[in-house]
Amino acid sequence: MGTFDVEPEVGTIFVAQPLDYEMEQRYELRLVASDGKWENETLVVVQVVNRNDEAPVFSQTEYHSSVMEELTQLPVFILEVSGFI
């Protein structure tokens, strides 16, 4: 739908359009990764929280996390974004 974009080399997910809780509260993104020989896919669920209409505020400008191969326990990394009035 063009709401999200994915950087193909590393898989970073970007919000490409403003999110509006009144229009859509949940998105399901099916991502496929391939090395040319093998392929795998996962489902990323984005839930929009209706806090207020102010722009979200991150406590840091950058976040880093690692995901181990054959990881079975989820979630791996949770990032909470808040808005302030």
Protein backbone atom coordinates (compact mmCIF):
# COMPACT_ATOMS: atom_id res chain seq x y z
CA MET A 1 0.00 0.00 0.00
CA GLY A 2 3.06 2.25 0.03
CA THR A 3 2.80 2.98 3.75
CA PHE A 4 6.13 1.27 4.48
CA ASP A 5 9.36 0.87 2.56
CA VAL A 6 12.19 -1.64 3.06
CA GLU A 7 15.84 -1.01 2.36
CA PRO A 8 16.69 -4.14 0.31
CA GLU A 9 20.32 -4.68 1.37
CA VAL A 10 19.84 -4.76 5.16
CA GLY A 11 16.06 -5.01 5.56
CA THR A 12 15.49 -1.78 7.48
CA ILE A 13 11.76 -0.96 7.53
CA PHE A 14 10.82 2.70 7.08
CA VAL A 15 7.50 4.46 7.49
CA ALA A 16 6.98 6.00 4.04
CA GLN A 17 3.70 7.82 4.74
CA PRO A 18 2.17 9.29 7.90
CA LEU A 19 0.32 6.73 10.02
CA ASP A 20 -3.23 7.54 11.10
CA TYR A 21 -4.82 5.43 13.83
CA GLU A 22 -8.31 6.49 12.72
CA MET A 23 -7.63 5.06 9.25
CA GLU A 24 -5.62 1.90 10.09
CA GLN A 25 -4.74 0.46 13.49
CA ARG A 26 -2.69 -2.56 12.34
CA TYR A 27 -0.43 -3.45 9.43
CA GLU A 28 0.92 -6.87 8.50
CA LEU A 29 4.09 -6.83 6.42
CA ARG A 30 5.33 -10.07 4.88
CA LEU A 31 9.07 -9.78 4.28
CA VAL A 32 11.02 -12.19 2.08
CA ALA A 33 14.82 -12.56 2.25
CA SER A 34 16.80 -14.45 -0.37
CA ASP A 35 20.46 -15.08 -1.10
CA GLY A 36 19.71 -16.32 -4.61
CA LYS A 37 19.66 -19.95 -3.55
CA TRP A 38 17.61 -20.01 -0.35
CA GLU A 39 14.60 -17.98 0.60
CA ASN A 40 12.80 -17.31 3.87
CA GLU A 41 9.95 -15.09 4.92
CA THR A 42 8.57 -13.58 8.10
CA LEU A 43 5.56 -11.58 9.15
CA VAL A 44 6.09 -8.17 10.77
CA VAL A 45 3.06 -6.77 12.59
CA VAL A 46 2.92 -3.01 13.16
CA GLN A 47 0.28 -1.82 15.62
CA VAL A 48 -0.51 1.90 15.58
CA VAL A 49 -1.25 3.39 19.00
CA ASN A 50 -3.63 6.33 19.26
CA ARG A 51 -1.84 8.48 21.83
CA ASN A 52 -2.20 11.97 20.33
CA ASP A 53 -1.69 13.78 17.03
CA GLU A 54 1.79 15.08 17.84
CA ALA A 55 4.88 13.81 16.06
CA PRO A 56 6.53 10.79 17.74
CA VAL A 57 9.62 11.44 19.85
CA PHE A 58 12.49 8.99 20.19
CA SER A 59 14.69 9.08 23.29
CA GLN A 60 17.75 8.34 21.08
CA THR A 61 18.63 9.17 17.49
CA GLU A 62 19.85 5.64 16.70
CA TYR A 63 19.12 2.14 17.98
CA HIS A 64 21.12 -1.05 17.37
CA SER A 65 20.27 -4.66 18.04
CA SER A 66 21.56 -8.08 16.99
CA VAL A 67 19.58 -11.14 15.98
CA MET A 68 21.20 -14.54 16.39
CA GLU A 69 20.91 -17.16 13.68
CA GLU A 70 18.19 -19.76 14.32
CA LEU A 71 16.60 -17.60 17.00
CA THR A 72 13.38 -19.14 18.32
CA GLN A 73 12.35 -16.77 21.11
CA LEU A 74 10.45 -13.64 20.12
CA PRO A 75 10.29 -10.69 20.39
CA VAL A 76 13.93 -9.86 19.76
CA PHE A 77 13.82 -6.10 20.17
CA ILE A 78 10.94 -3.85 21.21
CA LEU A 79 11.12 -0.13 20.58
CA GLU A 80 8.48 2.13 22.09
CA VAL A 81 7.93 5.49 20.45
CA SER A 82 6.01 8.15 22.32
CA GLY A 83 4.45 11.48 21.43
CA PHE A 84 4.32 14.54 23.66
CA ILE A 85 1.85 17.40 23.68
